[in-house]
Structure formats: C-alpha cells, structure tokens
Amino acid sequence: MVITIARIISRLCEPTLLQLLLVLYTASRGDITGPRLFIVMIILFTIVFFPPLMLLLYAVRTKKISNWDISNRKQRVKALAVFILFLFIDLFIIRSFYDHALFTLFLFFFITVCGFFCITLFWKISGHLSTFTIFFGLIILWFGLRWWPLVLMVPTLAWSRVILKRHTIFQTIGGIVFGACMLLTGHLLHLV
C-alpha cells in the first residue's frame, strides 16, 4: 500500500508533466492569442515534447537505460546530453514564435538542465524534486504568497522518492536545493 501511494505521488509529479503545465500556462499568458495560440500549442506538443518522450520510451524498451527515472547516474549523463541538444533546438523553434515569455521560460529550462547535467557528472540528485521545487516556486511567484502552502507538498514527494528507492535523503535534499537555487537565479535574471 505504501509503495503504491509513493508511486502515485511520484507519477503525478513527473518532471515532464510539470514542465508541460508550465509551458502551457506561459504560452496562454504570452503574446500569442486566438487560433494562433492553438496552433502553437500543437507545435509545442508535437515538435518540442513528443520527440524526447518517444526517445525516452524507446531507450527504456530497448534497455539502453534502466528505467523511466533513469536511476543509473551514468545513464543520466548520456540522456541529459541528448535532452540538452533537444532543448537547444527547441530554443530556436520557440524563438520563431516571437513570444518573449515562452522563450525566456525555455531559456530558463535550458540553463536549468545544463546545471543539472553538470551536477550529474559528479553526483545524482532528484530531478523530480528540483522540477517540483521550481514548479511550485513559480506558482507562488506568479500567483502570490497565498499559494505558499503548496511548498508543504515538497517533503511528500521527497518521501515517495526515498520509499521507491530512487534516491537517498541527501539526493532529495540536493534536488530541492538545486531547484531553489535555479528558481532564485531565474527570478534574479528575470527569466521567470
């Protein structure tokens, strides 16, 4: 029962899902409106999100990586290098939309993933928790301090990642600290 609850929490807080929600929200509040917004949303999903997801699924099925969470740190390095390449290409695609808010969010994603990659070369931290920390930090920045109780959900996700044996307590703390540092950096640079 405990493992099932931990799996549900972990899947609901999947980094790709949280990033997709941030992108959809940012696109909806940006410079693109009306029918063009719908077209941009379709392009974002089919060109930006779909290819890396399919590549990850392929890598899991062909056993090129151990599991969806890429628990093996050495496998993470290769996967993150490919993801950085995708994000770099995505920056040019997003730039062609002429939407400042969307472009700066993707630039923030790019910088964050590059930082995560550098840390992964030496140590494994939780991508779930770094993304989760950024996600709820952005909710609080965008919608105000009345949303601060969402931060209390961070320990719940940390618990689930430890229970599932995907991370140690220190790796979850590392993910939280990295996410908070990236959020602060993005805020100070006016990227988020």
Foldseek 3Di string as FASTA:
>chain_A
DLLVVLVVLLVVLPLLVLLLVVLLVLLDPWDDDDPVSVVVNVCCCPQQPPVLVVVLVVCCVVVVAVDSQSLPLVSVLVSLVVNLVSLVVVLVVVVVVVTLLNNLLSVLVNVLSVVQSVVSVPDAAHPSLLSQLLSQVVCCVVPHPVSVVSVVCSVVNLVSCVVNVSDDNVRSVVSNVSSVVSNVVCVVVVSD
